[in-house]
Protein backbone atom coordinates (compact mmCIF):
# COMPACT_ATOMS: atom_id res chain seq x y z
CA MET A 1 110.06 75.29 108.49
CA ARG A 2 110.26 78.54 106.54
CA VAL A 3 110.15 81.69 108.65
CA ARG A 4 107.15 83.70 107.46
CA ARG A 5 107.72 87.31 106.59
CA SER A 6 105.29 88.53 109.26
CA ALA A 7 107.53 87.04 111.92
CA LEU A 8 110.54 88.80 110.46
CA LEU A 9 109.32 92.23 109.56
CA GLY A 10 105.92 92.89 111.01
CA ALA A 11 104.65 96.37 110.49
CA ALA A 12 108.01 97.50 109.05
CA LEU A 13 107.04 96.07 105.69
CA THR A 14 104.37 98.69 105.16
CA ALA A 15 105.99 101.63 106.91
CA VAL A 16 107.36 104.63 105.07
CA LEU A 17 111.04 105.13 105.74
CA ALA A 18 112.64 108.51 106.37
CA GLY A 19 112.97 110.68 103.30
CA GLY A 20 109.81 109.47 101.65
CA VAL A 21 111.23 106.10 100.51
CA LEU A 22 108.75 103.28 100.58
CA ALA A 23 109.87 100.31 102.61
CA PRO A 24 110.22 97.13 100.55
CA THR A 25 107.02 95.13 100.79
CA ALA A 26 106.04 91.49 100.56
CA SER A 27 103.38 90.45 98.04
CA ALA A 28 103.20 86.74 98.87
CA ASP A 29 104.54 84.37 101.52
CA ASP A 30 107.68 83.70 99.50
CA SER A 31 107.89 86.82 97.34
CA TRP A 32 109.41 90.16 98.34
CA LYS A 33 109.63 93.49 96.56
CA VAL A 34 112.36 96.11 96.75
CA HIS A 35 111.87 99.52 95.18
CA LEU A 36 112.59 103.21 95.55
CA GLU A 37 109.59 105.48 95.11
CA ASP A 38 108.76 105.52 91.37
CA GLY A 39 111.84 103.60 90.25
CA PRO A 40 111.95 100.01 88.99
CA THR A 41 110.79 97.23 91.33
CA ALA A 42 112.80 94.08 92.01
CA THR A 43 110.76 91.02 93.01
CA LEU A 44 112.67 88.25 94.75
CA SER A 45 110.79 84.94 94.93
CA LEU A 46 111.36 81.51 96.46
CA ASP A 47 109.69 78.56 94.73
CA GLY A 48 108.52 75.23 96.13
CA GLN A 49 111.99 73.72 95.76
CA GLY A 50 113.59 76.58 97.66
CA ALA A 51 115.17 78.10 94.54
CA LEU A 52 115.38 81.87 94.16
CA THR A 53 114.45 84.03 91.18
CA LEU A 54 114.57 87.76 90.62
CA ALA A 55 112.29 89.73 88.29
CA VAL A 56 112.20 93.45 87.49
CA GLU A 57 109.30 95.62 86.43
CA ARG A 58 108.97 99.31 85.63
CA LYS A 59 105.71 101.23 85.83
CA GLY A 60 103.83 97.95 85.91
CA ARG A 61 105.58 96.59 82.80
CA THR A 62 107.87 93.57 82.76
CA VAL A 63 111.53 94.47 82.33
CA LEU A 64 113.00 91.11 83.33
CA GLU A 65 111.04 87.91 83.76
CA PRO A 66 112.02 85.76 86.78
CA GLY A 67 115.65 84.70 86.37
CA ALA A 68 117.62 82.31 88.54
CA VAL A 69 119.53 83.55 91.58
CA GLY A 70 121.95 81.31 93.46
CA ILE A 71 125.56 80.33 93.95
CA THR A 72 127.57 77.18 94.54
CA SER A 73 130.75 76.80 96.55
CA ALA A 74 133.05 73.96 97.44
CA GLU A 75 131.23 73.86 100.75
CA ALA A 76 127.57 74.10 99.68
CA ASP A 77 125.02 74.20 96.88
CA LEU A 78 123.01 77.36 97.53
CA THR A 79 120.85 77.25 94.42
CA SER A 80 117.91 75.33 95.94
CA GLY A 81 116.57 74.02 99.23
CA LEU A 82 116.70 77.51 100.73
CA GLU A 83 114.46 79.14 103.29
CA LEU A 84 114.38 82.69 104.56
CA LEU A 85 115.98 83.25 107.97
CA ASP A 86 116.20 87.03 108.24
CA ARG A 87 115.74 90.30 106.41
CA GLY A 88 116.89 93.86 107.03
CA ASP A 89 116.01 97.05 105.18
CA ARG A 90 117.66 100.44 104.92
CA VAL A 91 118.13 103.41 102.61
CA VAL A 92 121.64 103.97 101.19
CA GLU A 93 122.46 107.65 100.69
CA GLU A 94 125.88 108.90 99.58
CA ARG A 95 127.53 111.83 97.86
CA TYR A 96 130.86 111.68 96.09
CA THR A 97 132.95 113.64 93.61
CA ALA A 98 134.26 112.03 90.45
CA THR A 99 137.44 113.06 88.64
CA VAL A 100 136.01 112.04 85.25
CA GLY A 101 132.72 110.92 83.78
CA LYS A 102 129.24 112.18 82.96
CA GLU A 103 129.02 114.42 86.01
CA ARG A 104 131.47 115.52 88.66
CA GLU A 105 129.15 115.63 91.66
CA ARG A 106 127.19 112.43 92.29
CA THR A 107 124.26 111.75 94.59
CA VAL A 108 123.34 108.15 95.44
CA ARG A 109 120.01 107.06 96.88
CA MET A 110 118.96 103.43 96.96
CA ALA A 111 116.56 101.18 98.82
CA GLU A 112 118.40 98.12 100.13
CA SER A 113 117.14 94.80 101.47
CA ARG A 114 119.50 92.17 102.82
CA PHE A 115 118.03 88.66 102.89
CA VAL A 116 119.62 85.78 104.76
CA PHE A 117 118.77 82.25 103.60
CA GLY A 118 119.78 78.87 104.93
CA ASN A 119 119.58 75.27 103.76
CA GLN A 120 119.00 72.00 105.59
CA ASP A 121 122.74 71.57 106.11
CA GLY A 122 122.90 74.81 108.05
CA ARG A 123 124.77 76.66 105.30
CA ARG A 124 123.91 80.31 104.89
CA LEU A 125 123.69 82.75 102.00
CA ALA A 126 123.09 86.48 102.27
CA LEU A 127 121.63 88.23 99.26
CA THR A 128 121.58 92.03 99.10
CA VAL A 129 119.19 93.68 96.64
CA ARG A 130 119.29 97.38 95.85
CA ALA A 131 116.88 99.50 93.84
CA SER A 132 117.42 103.08 92.67
CA ASP A 133 115.70 105.41 90.25
CA ASP A 134 117.72 104.00 87.36
CA GLY A 135 118.10 100.33 88.14
CA VAL A 136 118.37 97.26 90.31
CA ALA A 137 121.38 95.32 91.53
CA TYR A 138 122.11 92.31 93.71
CA ARG A 139 125.12 90.56 95.17
CA TYR A 140 125.87 87.46 97.23
CA GLU A 141 127.61 87.27 100.59
CA LEU A 142 129.15 84.01 101.72
CA PRO A 143 130.38 83.64 105.30
CA ASP A 144 133.62 81.84 106.13
CA GLU A 145 131.87 79.37 108.40
CA ASN A 146 134.81 77.01 108.97
CA GLY A 147 137.64 79.54 108.97
CA ASP A 148 139.11 77.96 105.82
CA GLY A 149 138.03 80.63 103.36
CA VAL A 150 135.44 80.39 100.60
CA THR A 151 135.75 78.82 97.14
CA VAL A 152 133.01 79.61 94.64
CA THR A 153 132.51 77.08 91.85
CA GLY A 154 129.76 78.87 89.94
CA GLU A 155 126.58 80.91 89.94
CA SER A 156 123.12 80.02 88.75
CA SER A 157 122.52 83.76 88.24
CA GLY A 158 120.71 84.66 85.08
CA PHE A 159 118.51 87.25 83.42
CA ARG A 160 115.42 86.38 81.44
CA LEU A 161 114.21 88.84 78.81
CA PRO A 162 110.91 88.70 76.95
CA ALA A 163 111.72 86.66 73.85
CA ASP A 164 110.97 89.45 71.38
CA SER A 165 113.05 92.12 73.16
CA LYS A 166 115.31 93.99 70.76
CA ALA A 167 118.96 93.21 71.59
CA TRP A 168 122.32 94.88 71.00
CA LEU A 169 124.96 92.30 71.89
CA GLN A 170 128.73 92.10 71.81
CA PRO A 171 130.18 88.61 71.25
CA TYR A 172 132.52 88.03 74.17
CA THR A 173 136.27 88.50 73.86
CA PRO A 174 138.55 89.18 76.86
CA ASN A 175 139.42 92.64 75.47
CA TYR A 176 135.79 93.56 74.65
CA GLU A 177 136.74 94.72 71.14
CA ALA A 178 134.15 92.84 69.08
CA GLN A 179 131.53 94.80 67.18
CA HIS A 180 127.94 94.80 68.39
CA VAL A 181 125.28 92.75 66.64
CA GLU A 182 121.56 93.47 66.55
CA SER A 183 119.04 90.73 67.16
CA THR A 184 116.28 89.86 69.58
CA ALA A 185 116.71 88.28 72.99
CA ALA A 186 115.62 84.84 71.79
CA ALA A 187 116.88 84.90 68.19
CA ALA A 188 120.49 85.82 69.08
CA GLU A 189 122.94 83.07 68.16
CA SER A 190 124.04 80.63 70.85
CA GLY A 191 127.27 81.74 72.46
CA GLU A 192 128.89 84.03 74.98
CA TYR A 193 128.26 87.76 75.14
CA GLY A 194 130.18 90.45 76.98
CA TYR A 195 128.84 93.23 79.15
CA PRO A 196 127.23 95.63 78.89
CA THR A 197 124.33 94.18 76.91
CA LEU A 198 121.39 96.35 75.87
CA PHE A 199 117.77 95.27 75.35
CA ARG A 200 114.55 97.11 74.58
CA ASN A 201 111.13 95.83 75.55
CA GLY A 202 108.21 97.24 73.58
CA GLY A 203 108.13 100.67 72.03
CA GLY A 204 106.95 101.81 68.63
CA GLU A 205 109.06 102.89 65.68
CA GLY A 206 112.37 104.01 67.10
CA GLY A 207 111.54 102.50 70.48
CA ALA A 208 111.09 105.92 72.09
CA ASP A 209 108.44 104.67 74.49
CA GLY A 210 110.02 101.31 75.25
CA ASP A 211 111.76 100.09 78.39
CA TYR A 212 115.52 99.76 77.93
CA VAL A 213 117.60 97.30 79.96
CA LEU A 214 121.39 97.37 80.25
CA LEU A 215 123.01 94.38 81.99
CA SER A 216 126.49 94.62 83.48
CA GLU A 217 128.35 94.22 86.79
CA SER A 218 130.03 96.47 89.37
CA ASP A 219 132.69 96.24 92.07
CA VAL A 220 134.84 93.58 90.41
CA ASP A 221 138.33 93.24 91.86
CA GLY A 222 140.76 90.55 92.97
CA ARG A 223 138.30 89.13 95.50
CA TYR A 224 136.48 87.54 92.56
CA ASP A 225 136.60 87.56 88.76
CA ALA A 226 134.53 89.08 85.98
CA SER A 227 131.77 87.22 84.20
CA ARG A 228 129.98 87.16 80.87
CA LEU A 229 126.61 85.96 79.64
CA THR A 230 125.87 82.66 77.91
CA HIS A 231 122.84 82.21 75.69
CA GLN A 232 121.06 79.43 73.82
CA GLU A 233 119.27 80.47 70.65
CA GLY A 234 115.50 80.29 71.03
CA SER A 235 115.48 81.38 74.68
CA GLY A 236 115.26 84.80 76.29
CA ALA A 237 117.53 83.63 79.13
CA TYR A 238 121.10 84.89 79.57
CA ARG A 239 123.10 83.07 82.24
CA VAL A 240 126.11 84.38 84.14
CA LYS A 241 129.35 82.50 83.50
CA LEU A 242 132.47 83.18 85.56
CA ALA A 243 135.83 83.62 83.86
CA ASP A 244 137.42 80.94 86.07
CA GLU A 245 136.39 77.42 86.97
CA SER A 246 136.48 78.59 90.58
CA VAL A 247 137.39 81.68 92.59
CA SER A 248 138.69 81.71 96.14
CA SER A 249 138.69 84.05 99.08
CA PRO A 250 140.75 83.69 102.28
CA GLY A 251 137.73 84.81 104.30
CA ALA A 252 134.08 85.83 103.93
CA LEU A 253 133.22 86.90 100.42
CA ASN A 254 131.08 89.61 98.86
CA THR A 255 130.65 88.98 95.14
CA PRO A 256 130.39 91.73 92.51
CA TRP A 257 127.03 93.35 91.91
CA ARG A 258 124.89 92.01 89.08
CA THR A 259 123.45 95.23 87.67
CA VAL A 260 120.27 96.04 85.74
CA ILE A 261 120.13 99.64 84.54
CA THR A 262 116.63 100.32 83.25
CA GLY A 263 114.38 103.15 82.17
CA ASP A 264 113.84 105.14 79.04
CA LEU A 265 116.84 105.57 76.74
CA ALA A 266 117.93 108.81 78.39
CA THR A 267 117.83 107.25 81.86
CA VAL A 268 120.04 104.37 80.74
CA THR A 269 122.47 106.57 78.82
CA GLU A 270 122.89 109.08 81.65
CA SER A 271 123.08 106.46 84.44
CA THR A 272 126.00 106.35 86.88
CA LEU A 273 124.74 103.22 88.64
CA THR A 274 127.90 101.23 87.87
CA ASP A 275 130.01 103.80 89.71
CA ASP A 276 127.41 104.36 92.45
CA LEU A 277 127.62 100.71 93.51
CA ALA A 278 131.42 100.65 93.61
CA PRO A 279 133.54 101.22 96.74
CA ALA A 280 134.52 104.77 97.65
CA SER A 281 137.81 106.22 96.45
CA LYS A 282 140.97 104.62 97.79
CA VAL A 283 142.95 107.76 96.84
CA ALA A 284 142.64 110.34 99.60
CA ASP A 285 144.29 113.24 97.75
CA THR A 286 143.09 113.53 94.14
CA SER A 287 144.43 117.04 93.51
CA TRP A 288 147.24 115.69 91.28
CA ILE A 289 144.87 113.85 88.94
CA ARG A 290 144.56 115.74 85.68
CA PRO A 291 142.23 114.62 82.89
CA GLY A 292 142.71 116.12 79.46
CA LYS A 293 143.26 115.96 75.73
CA VAL A 294 146.09 113.84 74.38
CA ALA A 295 148.04 114.10 71.13
CA TRP A 296 148.37 110.46 69.99
CA SER A 297 150.55 109.64 67.01
CA TRP A 298 150.04 105.88 66.57
CA LEU A 299 147.73 106.19 63.56
CA ASP A 300 150.32 108.45 61.92
CA GLY A 301 152.96 105.85 61.20
CA GLY A 302 152.77 103.30 63.98
CA GLN A 303 156.04 102.26 65.61
CA ASP A 304 158.18 104.25 63.18
CA THR A 305 156.63 107.47 64.45
CA GLN A 306 157.09 106.41 68.07
CA LYS A 307 160.83 106.04 67.44
CA ASP A 308 161.18 109.44 65.75
CA LEU A 309 162.20 112.14 68.25
CA ALA A 310 161.72 115.00 65.81
CA ARG A 311 158.18 113.86 64.98
CA GLN A 312 157.31 113.38 68.65
CA LYS A 313 158.46 116.94 69.33
CA GLU A 314 156.06 118.10 66.60
CA TYR A 315 153.21 116.41 68.44
CA VAL A 316 154.30 118.07 71.69
CA ASP A 317 154.42 121.43 69.91
CA TYR A 318 150.93 120.92 68.57
CA ALA A 319 149.58 120.02 72.00
CA ALA A 320 151.21 123.11 73.51
CA GLU A 321 149.89 125.44 70.81
CA HIS A 322 146.31 124.20 71.24
CA ASP A 323 146.15 123.85 75.03
CA TRP A 324 146.12 120.06 75.06
CA GLU A 325 147.44 118.64 78.30
CA TYR A 326 149.30 115.53 77.11
CA SER A 327 151.23 113.81 74.36
CA LEU A 328 151.34 110.00 74.30
CA VAL A 329 154.23 107.96 72.94
CA ASP A 330 153.07 104.43 72.13
CA GLU A 331 154.73 101.08 71.43
CA GLY A 332 158.24 101.44 70.01
CA TRP A 333 159.69 104.08 72.32
CA LYS A 334 161.59 101.48 74.39
CA GLU A 335 163.95 101.01 71.44
CA THR A 336 165.11 104.63 71.77
CA ASP A 337 167.36 106.45 74.25
CA TRP A 338 165.94 109.97 74.01
CA MET A 339 162.88 109.82 76.23
CA PRO A 340 164.27 112.06 79.02
CA GLU A 341 165.02 114.66 76.36
CA LEU A 342 161.46 114.56 75.04
CA ILE A 343 160.01 114.78 78.55
CA ALA A 344 162.14 117.85 79.32
CA TYR A 345 161.17 119.40 75.97
CA ALA A 346 157.49 118.86 76.74
CA GLU A 347 157.82 120.15 80.30
CA GLU A 348 159.21 123.44 79.01
CA ARG A 349 156.06 123.82 76.91
CA GLY A 350 153.56 122.87 79.59
CA VAL A 351 152.79 119.42 78.16
CA LYS A 352 152.95 116.13 80.06
CA ILE A 353 154.18 112.89 78.49
CA MET A 354 152.26 109.61 78.69
CA LEU A 355 154.05 106.36 77.85
CA TRP A 356 152.71 103.03 76.57
CA MET A 357 153.79 99.83 78.30
CA HIS A 358 152.93 96.16 77.83
CA TYR A 359 151.29 94.25 80.67
CA GLU A 360 154.16 91.74 80.55
CA ASP A 361 156.56 94.50 81.58
CA LEU A 362 154.53 95.06 84.74
CA ASP A 363 153.21 91.63 85.71
CA THR A 364 155.62 90.96 88.57
CA ALA A 365 156.48 92.99 91.65
CA ASP A 366 160.12 93.37 90.55
CA GLU A 367 159.12 94.59 87.10
CA ARG A 368 156.68 97.10 88.53
CA LYS A 369 159.28 98.41 90.96
CA ALA A 370 161.83 98.88 88.19
CA ASN A 371 159.62 100.22 85.42
CA LEU A 372 157.32 102.39 87.50
CA GLY A 373 160.38 103.72 89.30
CA ARG A 374 161.87 104.71 85.97
CA MET A 375 158.63 106.47 84.98
CA THR A 376 158.70 108.46 88.22
CA GLU A 377 162.39 109.31 87.85
CA TRP A 378 161.88 110.58 84.31
CA GLY A 379 158.86 112.68 85.23
CA VAL A 380 156.29 110.77 83.19
CA ALA A 381 152.74 111.86 84.02
CA GLY A 382 151.03 108.56 83.38
CA MET A 383 150.83 105.28 81.56
CA LYS A 384 148.88 103.53 78.87
CA ILE A 385 149.04 99.87 79.91
CA ASP A 386 148.09 97.33 77.26
CA PHE A 387 147.28 93.66 76.60
CA MET A 388 145.86 92.41 79.91
CA ASP A 389 143.40 90.35 77.83
CA SER A 390 141.82 88.41 80.71
CA ASP A 391 138.89 88.56 83.12
CA SER A 392 140.36 86.02 85.54
CA GLN A 393 140.67 86.48 89.28
CA ALA A 394 144.45 86.43 88.91
CA ARG A 395 144.30 89.34 86.47
CA PHE A 396 142.03 91.32 88.75
CA ARG A 397 144.47 90.76 91.60
CA TRP A 398 147.07 92.29 89.29
CA TYR A 399 144.76 95.24 88.65
CA ASP A 400 144.54 95.73 92.43
CA GLU A 401 148.33 95.84 92.66
CA ILE A 402 149.04 98.10 89.70
CA LEU A 403 146.28 100.53 90.68
CA LYS A 404 147.70 100.98 94.17
CA GLU A 405 151.27 101.32 92.94
CA THR A 406 150.44 103.85 90.22
CA ALA A 407 148.34 105.87 92.67
CA ASP A 408 151.19 105.86 95.19
CA ARG A 409 153.51 107.21 92.46
CA LYS A 410 150.90 109.71 91.22
CA LEU A 411 150.76 108.22 87.75
CA VAL A 412 147.46 108.52 85.88
CA VAL A 413 146.40 105.43 83.93
CA ASN A 414 144.71 104.47 80.68
CA PHE A 415 144.11 100.73 80.25
CA HIS A 416 144.05 99.18 76.77
CA GLY A 417 143.49 95.54 75.89
CA SER A 418 141.51 95.53 79.10
CA THR A 419 138.27 94.59 80.75
CA ILE A 420 135.40 97.10 80.90
CA PRO A 421 134.96 99.58 83.77
CA HIS A 422 133.17 98.04 86.75
CA GLY A 423 133.11 101.18 88.87
CA ILE A 424 136.91 101.38 88.81
CA GLN A 425 136.89 105.13 88.21
CA ARG A 426 135.13 105.78 91.51
CA THR A 427 137.39 103.50 93.52
CA TRP A 428 140.59 104.44 91.70
CA PRO A 429 139.99 107.98 90.37
CA HIS A 430 143.37 108.18 88.63
CA VAL A 431 142.04 105.80 85.94
CA MET A 432 141.26 108.23 83.15
CA ALA A 433 139.93 105.77 80.58
CA MET A 434 139.77 102.16 79.48
CA GLU A 435 139.60 100.83 75.94
CA ALA A 436 137.39 97.71 75.87
CA VAL A 437 135.79 98.91 72.65
CA HIS A 438 135.94 98.29 68.92
CA GLY A 439 137.66 101.62 68.49
CA ALA A 440 138.88 103.79 65.63
CA GLU A 441 142.27 102.06 65.44
CA GLN A 442 140.44 99.00 64.06
CA LEU A 443 139.81 101.03 60.86
CA ASP A 444 136.51 99.23 60.14
CA VAL A 445 134.09 100.97 62.49
CA THR A 446 130.64 101.56 60.99
CA PRO A 447 128.18 104.45 61.48
CA ALA A 448 125.84 101.95 63.15
CA GLY A 449 128.62 100.98 65.56
CA LEU A 450 129.29 104.59 66.48
CA SER A 451 125.60 105.13 67.18
CA THR A 452 125.41 102.05 69.40
CA LEU A 453 128.33 102.78 71.74
CA PRO A 454 126.75 105.72 73.67
CA TYR A 455 124.00 103.35 74.84
CA THR A 456 126.19 100.34 75.58
CA ARG A 457 129.91 100.49 76.36
CA ASN A 458 130.12 104.19 77.23
CA VAL A 459 127.31 103.93 79.79
CA VAL A 460 129.53 102.10 82.29
CA GLY A 461 132.62 104.32 82.16
CA SER A 462 135.15 106.36 80.20
CA MET A 463 135.86 104.88 76.78
CA ASP A 464 139.10 105.45 74.87
CA PHE A 465 137.84 105.30 71.30
CA THR A 466 140.70 107.40 69.75
CA PRO A 467 138.79 109.55 67.21
CA MET A 468 140.10 112.12 64.70
CA GLY A 469 142.38 109.80 62.67
CA PHE A 470 141.78 111.71 59.43
CA GLN A 471 145.06 110.63 57.85
CA THR A 472 143.95 106.99 57.76
CA GLY A 473 141.25 107.70 55.18
CA LYS A 474 139.08 105.05 56.84
CA ARG A 475 136.47 106.89 58.86
CA PRO A 476 132.78 105.99 58.87
CA VAL A 477 131.37 109.51 59.17
CA THR A 478 131.96 113.00 57.79
CA ASP A 479 134.44 115.46 59.27
CA ALA A 480 131.72 117.09 61.39
CA GLY A 481 130.55 113.66 62.54
CA GLU A 482 134.11 112.82 63.57
CA LEU A 483 134.41 116.10 65.46
CA ALA A 484 131.14 115.34 67.24
CA LEU A 485 132.74 112.26 68.84
CA SER A 486 134.71 114.57 71.14
CA VAL A 487 131.36 115.21 72.87
CA VAL A 488 129.28 112.13 72.07
CA PHE A 489 131.91 109.79 73.55
CA GLU A 490 132.95 110.41 77.16
CA SER A 491 136.54 109.80 78.20
CA GLY A 492 138.72 111.40 80.85
CA PHE A 493 141.53 111.10 78.33
CA GLN A 494 140.53 111.94 74.77
CA ASN A 495 143.33 110.41 72.74
CA PHE A 496 142.93 112.32 69.49
CA ALA A 497 144.50 110.29 66.71
CA GLY A 498 144.97 112.87 63.93
CA SER A 499 148.21 114.31 62.61
CA PRO A 500 149.09 117.99 63.03
CA GLU A 501 148.87 118.44 59.26
CA GLU A 502 145.34 117.02 59.06
CA TYR A 503 144.19 119.19 61.94
CA ALA A 504 145.67 122.28 60.26
CA GLU A 505 143.53 121.62 57.19
CA ARG A 506 140.44 121.90 59.40
CA PRO A 507 140.68 125.19 61.33
CA GLU A 508 137.12 124.97 62.69
CA LEU A 509 137.93 121.53 64.07
CA GLU A 510 141.11 122.89 65.67
CA ARG A 511 139.14 125.71 67.25
CA PHE A 512 136.54 123.37 68.71
CA LEU A 513 139.04 120.82 70.01
CA SER A 514 140.96 123.58 71.77
CA GLU A 515 137.82 124.46 73.72
CA VAL A 516 136.10 121.14 74.42
CA PRO A 517 136.85 119.69 77.89
CA THR A 518 137.05 116.02 78.83
CA VAL A 519 135.25 116.21 82.20
CA TRP A 520 131.63 117.23 82.65
CA ASP A 521 129.28 118.69 85.23
CA GLU A 522 126.15 117.29 83.59
CA THR A 523 125.17 115.06 80.69
CA ARG A 524 121.89 114.95 78.75
CA LEU A 525 120.79 112.66 75.95
CA LEU A 526 118.73 114.95 73.71
CA SER A 527 117.65 112.37 71.15
CA GLY A 528 118.75 109.11 69.67
CA GLU A 529 118.21 105.47 68.84
CA PRO A 530 120.83 102.71 69.11
CA GLY A 531 122.47 102.10 65.77
CA LYS A 532 120.72 105.07 64.15
CA GLU A 533 121.70 108.40 65.71
CA THR A 534 122.76 110.17 68.89
CA THR A 535 122.64 113.79 70.04
CA VAL A 536 124.23 114.52 73.42
CA ALA A 537 124.64 117.72 75.43
CA ARG A 538 127.28 117.99 78.15
CA ARG A 539 127.80 120.92 80.48
CA ASP A 540 131.09 122.36 81.72
CA GLY A 541 130.40 125.26 84.07
CA GLU A 542 128.03 127.61 82.24
CA ARG A 543 128.84 126.28 78.78
CA TRP A 544 127.08 123.43 77.04
CA PHE A 545 128.79 121.35 74.35
CA LEU A 546 126.68 119.39 71.89
CA GLY A 547 127.56 116.53 69.61
CA GLY A 548 125.41 114.66 67.12
CA ILE A 549 126.14 111.68 64.86
CA THR A 550 123.91 109.90 62.36
CA ASN A 551 123.78 106.66 60.42
CA GLY A 552 122.15 106.74 57.03
CA ALA A 553 120.69 109.41 54.78
CA GLY A 554 121.14 113.13 55.28
CA ARG A 555 118.53 114.89 57.36
CA VAL A 556 117.55 118.09 59.11
CA GLN A 557 117.94 117.45 62.81
CA GLN A 558 115.57 119.14 65.23
CA VAL A 559 117.74 119.78 68.29
CA PRO A 560 115.84 120.78 71.47
CA THR A 561 117.30 123.46 73.72
CA ASP A 562 115.10 123.17 76.80
CA PHE A 563 118.15 122.07 78.82
CA LEU A 564 119.61 125.59 78.56
CA GLY A 565 119.18 128.07 81.39
CA LYS A 566 117.18 131.26 81.33
CA GLY A 567 118.04 134.15 79.06
CA GLY A 568 119.57 134.23 75.63
CA TRP A 569 122.25 131.87 74.36
CA THR A 570 124.77 132.03 71.53
CA VAL A 571 125.25 128.67 69.87
CA ASP A 572 128.15 128.10 67.48
CA VAL A 573 127.48 125.03 65.33
CA VAL A 574 130.16 123.29 63.24
CA THR A 575 128.79 121.31 60.29
CA ASP A 576 129.97 119.95 56.95
CA GLY A 577 130.03 122.52 54.15
CA PRO A 578 130.73 122.04 50.45
CA ASP A 579 134.39 122.95 50.94
CA GLY A 580 135.01 121.69 54.46
CA LEU A 581 133.85 122.41 57.97
CA VAL A 582 131.87 125.60 58.53
CA ARG A 583 130.68 127.40 61.66
CA GLU A 584 127.31 129.07 61.99
CA THR A 585 126.15 131.20 64.93
CA HIS A 586 122.58 131.03 66.23
CA GLU A 587 120.88 133.13 68.89
CA VAL A 588 118.39 131.04 70.86
CA ARG A 589 116.42 130.94 74.08
CA ALA A 590 115.71 127.82 76.12
CA GLY A 591 112.91 125.87 74.51
CA ASP A 592 113.72 126.91 70.96
CA THR A 593 114.39 124.22 68.40
CA LEU A 594 117.75 124.38 66.67
CA GLU A 595 117.68 123.05 63.10
CA VAL A 596 120.91 121.47 61.91
CA ARG A 597 121.29 120.01 58.43
CA THR A 598 123.61 117.01 58.23
CA PRO A 599 124.64 114.93 55.18
CA GLY A 600 124.54 111.16 55.07
CA ASN A 601 126.56 109.55 57.87
CA GLY A 602 127.17 113.07 59.15
CA GLY A 603 126.96 114.99 62.35
CA PHE A 604 127.63 118.29 64.06
CA ALA A 605 129.42 119.78 67.04
CA ALA A 606 128.33 122.89 68.90
CA VAL A 607 129.01 125.03 71.94
CA ALA A 608 126.36 127.14 73.67
CA ASN A 609 127.37 130.18 75.75
CA PRO A 610 125.15 132.55 77.73
CA ALA A 611 124.59 135.59 75.52
């Protein structure tokens, strides 16, 4: 017989918890709500067959319709025949400091309910649901009841969107480098889609008053694997599919969080929920971790440039002259014998060297010992590790190993050919960036693609897009639009892909890139629409940096300044002029509207200082 909620919770269901957080309440015998004050509400329900579903609403509006919740293991089918055995509620409150990202100082506050279900065979499943101001998440917990470990064979987990929800989807590839496609939840082609996926329910022209939903996952490591979403055309349902046929744990298992970031577009864009759900830092001393700007020469000649010592010294010289912290030597350097010389040359000029390395050179313990030892002996500051190209449990176990070993050796890391961030930058704060994006090196990025990434991929963590490759001649936006990407896109490492000669032809760009940081105290989305335009403001100390990009015809952008503090402000704006980039100075006060004229597929970059 099902245990009724009154027997489990009694008066606690309607009590107000400390701090003004409403205790999760029950709305029906087999339906329970979890929410935090005015944030989104998760509704967990159990149907007549003992199958679970989870729905999400925001301000009384449907965000997600009831979607399946359940998991199967080699020991039990926990997708139906369940009944509630127990429930516990608490408020999760944390503070932590990030080394990179949208804001350094983070505050976490979530309502949490942990439900324990059982089936007729006596098998148990714990389901933890959390709700915050910017989203909802849930995870499974499987006990090791026989002492033989746990083997998961699949999840019935899924998300169900209203059929007409606008959708921005990325067809799944293990390196997450496909371009996004626009559709609706139901009309999207049948297939597999990678996280994060963005949807919009309702809203008028531009969707400003709609409810946005970003689906992803958090806390993925070698205990499990990563997943993607499968979809059948004609349905609003998106089901979770694991990378492996099965995943195993030697003991009790907590799965990754299935995450639903939701709110208006600014709430989704500014969210740190993916990091907030991840485990605390495993690096006790983070004082050696140094984000920064990187001179990257790959798009200036590929491997030939990586093998050219004289040219690499020119990149080091440029970094030193413009206060960039790093220079990165990519694939090809292993065919040379001069790397210690370059590292010493850079050290004399206050620049650190990053080196590229293939996953296959680091996929065994012996290889890691030899190659990471050589990096440490030479004085390399960090590594760009490439071509992991898998979401399997085995690959995540490798991530666990390489992350610990690089942290022990005080090597910062940038992953390419990788999975997306799943909170990795909270747990392992020496990870400065991950690729997992259709970036500039693809040479076919579109203005629509640029204007989609701030609301999709870049929401969940630092994104190594590699802008500024002017010498390629294949850029989707104007020079000012390209410069704006140094602010619009967040990355602990900004690998700028231009050549010293191209930078020198753009003195206003050089000036701005010398000033712009790569770590932020605060981030604000000022305006935007996926695929159309984005204007972002990011604060470093007292200064605010602004970046705006557009897709389509030229326009006069009305940039709000109500985020600025009291008093007067001097705003230097870099835009496209008839003969190149130009800088204009404006005196404003908070609340003024800054008008910026941009050409087609253009943009602007700006810095605001207290007057």
